[in-house]
Structures are given as structure tokens and as C-alpha cells.
Protein backbone atom coordinates (compact mmCIF):
# COMPACT_ATOMS: atom_id res chain seq x y z
CA MET A 1 24.98 -5.18 12.71
CA GLU A 2 24.28 -8.09 14.21
CA ALA A 3 20.57 -7.22 14.90
CA ALA A 4 20.02 -6.56 11.01
CA ARG A 5 21.47 -10.28 10.67
CA GLU A 6 18.78 -11.67 12.73
CA HIS A 7 15.85 -10.32 10.79
CA MET A 8 17.35 -10.91 7.56
CA GLN A 9 14.60 -13.54 5.91
CA ARG A 10 17.28 -16.88 5.06
CA LYS A 11 16.14 -19.68 2.60
CA ILE A 12 16.26 -23.19 3.80
CA THR A 13 16.04 -26.41 1.41
CA LEU A 14 13.20 -28.67 2.45
CA ALA A 15 12.38 -32.06 0.84
CA LEU A 16 9.39 -33.56 0.82
CA ASP A 17 7.39 -36.52 -1.19
CA GLY A 18 6.19 -35.57 -4.99
CA ARG A 19 2.40 -36.18 -4.33
CA LEU A 20 2.71 -33.97 -0.69
CA LEU A 21 4.86 -31.30 -2.59
CA LYS A 22 1.74 -31.22 -5.10
CA ARG A 23 -1.00 -31.01 -2.69
CA VAL A 24 0.99 -28.41 -0.63
CA ARG A 25 1.27 -26.41 -3.69
CA ALA A 26 -2.66 -26.59 -4.66
CA LEU A 27 -3.24 -25.23 -1.21
CA ALA A 28 -0.91 -22.35 -1.10
CA ALA A 29 -2.61 -21.86 -4.34
CA GLU A 30 -5.61 -21.49 -3.05
CA ARG A 31 -4.76 -19.34 -0.01
CA GLY A 32 -2.98 -16.99 -2.65
CA ALA A 33 0.00 -17.58 -1.16
CA SER A 34 3.46 -19.41 -1.67
CA VAL A 35 4.75 -22.38 -0.09
CA GLY A 36 7.41 -20.65 1.30
CA ALA A 37 5.17 -17.70 2.95
CA MET A 38 2.36 -20.39 3.79
CA LEU A 39 5.12 -22.56 5.77
CA ALA A 40 6.88 -19.30 7.45
CA GLY A 41 3.04 -18.26 9.10
CA GLU A 42 2.50 -22.05 10.19
CA LEU A 43 6.32 -21.70 11.68
CA GLN A 44 5.35 -18.61 13.42
CA LYS A 45 2.39 -19.65 14.56
CA MET A 46 4.05 -22.44 16.00
CA VAL A 47 6.84 -20.71 17.92
CA GLU A 48 4.13 -18.27 19.05
CA ARG A 49 1.97 -20.82 20.49
CA GLU A 50 5.21 -22.66 22.20
CA SER A 51 6.04 -19.28 23.65
CA ALA A 52 2.64 -18.78 25.11
CA TYR A 53 2.69 -22.06 26.57
CA ALA A 54 6.11 -21.59 28.18
CA LEU A 55 4.76 -18.35 29.95
CA ALA A 56 1.31 -19.89 31.25
CA ARG A 57 3.65 -22.61 32.35
CA ALA A 58 6.24 -20.63 34.08
CA LYS A 59 3.13 -18.42 35.80
CA ALA A 60 1.24 -21.68 37.02
CA LEU A 61 4.36 -22.87 38.77
CA ALA A 62 5.07 -19.36 39.86
CA GLN A 63 1.42 -19.78 41.64
CA LEU A 64 1.91 -23.11 42.92
CA ASP A 65 4.97 -21.68 44.88
CA SER A 66 2.92 -19.11 46.83
CA PRO A 67 0.68 -19.78 49.24
CA PHE A 68 -3.31 -19.71 48.46
CA HIS A 69 -5.42 -17.42 51.09
CA LEU A 70 -8.68 -19.11 50.85
CA GLY A 71 -10.54 -16.92 53.65
CA GLY A 72 -11.39 -17.64 57.19
CA ALA A 73 -10.51 -16.15 60.48
CA ARG A 74 -7.29 -17.33 62.33
CA ILE A 75 -8.10 -19.42 65.76
CA ALA A 76 -6.32 -17.69 68.89
CA ASP A 77 -6.17 -20.92 70.84
CA ARG A 78 -7.13 -24.51 71.52
CA GLU A 79 -9.22 -22.99 73.95
CA ALA A 80 -11.12 -21.18 71.66
CA LEU A 81 -11.43 -24.09 69.11
CA HIS A 82 -13.04 -25.86 71.58
CA ASP A 83 -15.33 -23.13 73.44
CA ARG A 84 -18.90 -24.56 73.63
CA GLN A 85 -20.50 -21.74 75.43
CA ALA A 86 -19.63 -19.40 71.88
CA LEU A 87 -21.65 -21.65 69.98
CA ARG A 88 -24.94 -21.65 72.20
């Protein structure tokens, strides 16, 4: 029952300046949508962008915790590093 209640649409009250409301209604009409549907869609996009950002941030931070392998071979010891005979 709780899950069904979570997915129910709920109404909210929004206070807008008269001029803004007039422009929003015109914009919604141009898009063939109601003001409520248009706002709900924009709010959904905002939530999705925020979720995607949080996921990407967590992924990037996790990658910083693990070392990057840049290739190359490990040198056995100091003598091998300074072995000029191997370079000739």
C-alpha cells in the first residue's frame, strides 16, 4: 500500500507573479500541455540530472581511490637502474 501511495500524483500550490503566470500559460499552450504537466516534466528532468550527476561524482571519486596503472615495467633494483652496459 505504501508503494502505491508513493506513485500517486499529488497537487501542490504555487504562487507566481501575474505577468509570469500569463507567459507560462502561453508557453504551455504553445507546447500543447498544461502548466502542471509542463512543470512536472521540467522538475522530473531536474531530478534526473541531479541523480546522474551524483552517480558520476561517486564513480569519479571511487576511481580516485584506486591507483592508475600507467604501464611500464618495474625496475628490480638500483643497480639495474644505473646499469650503463645494458644501454650500450
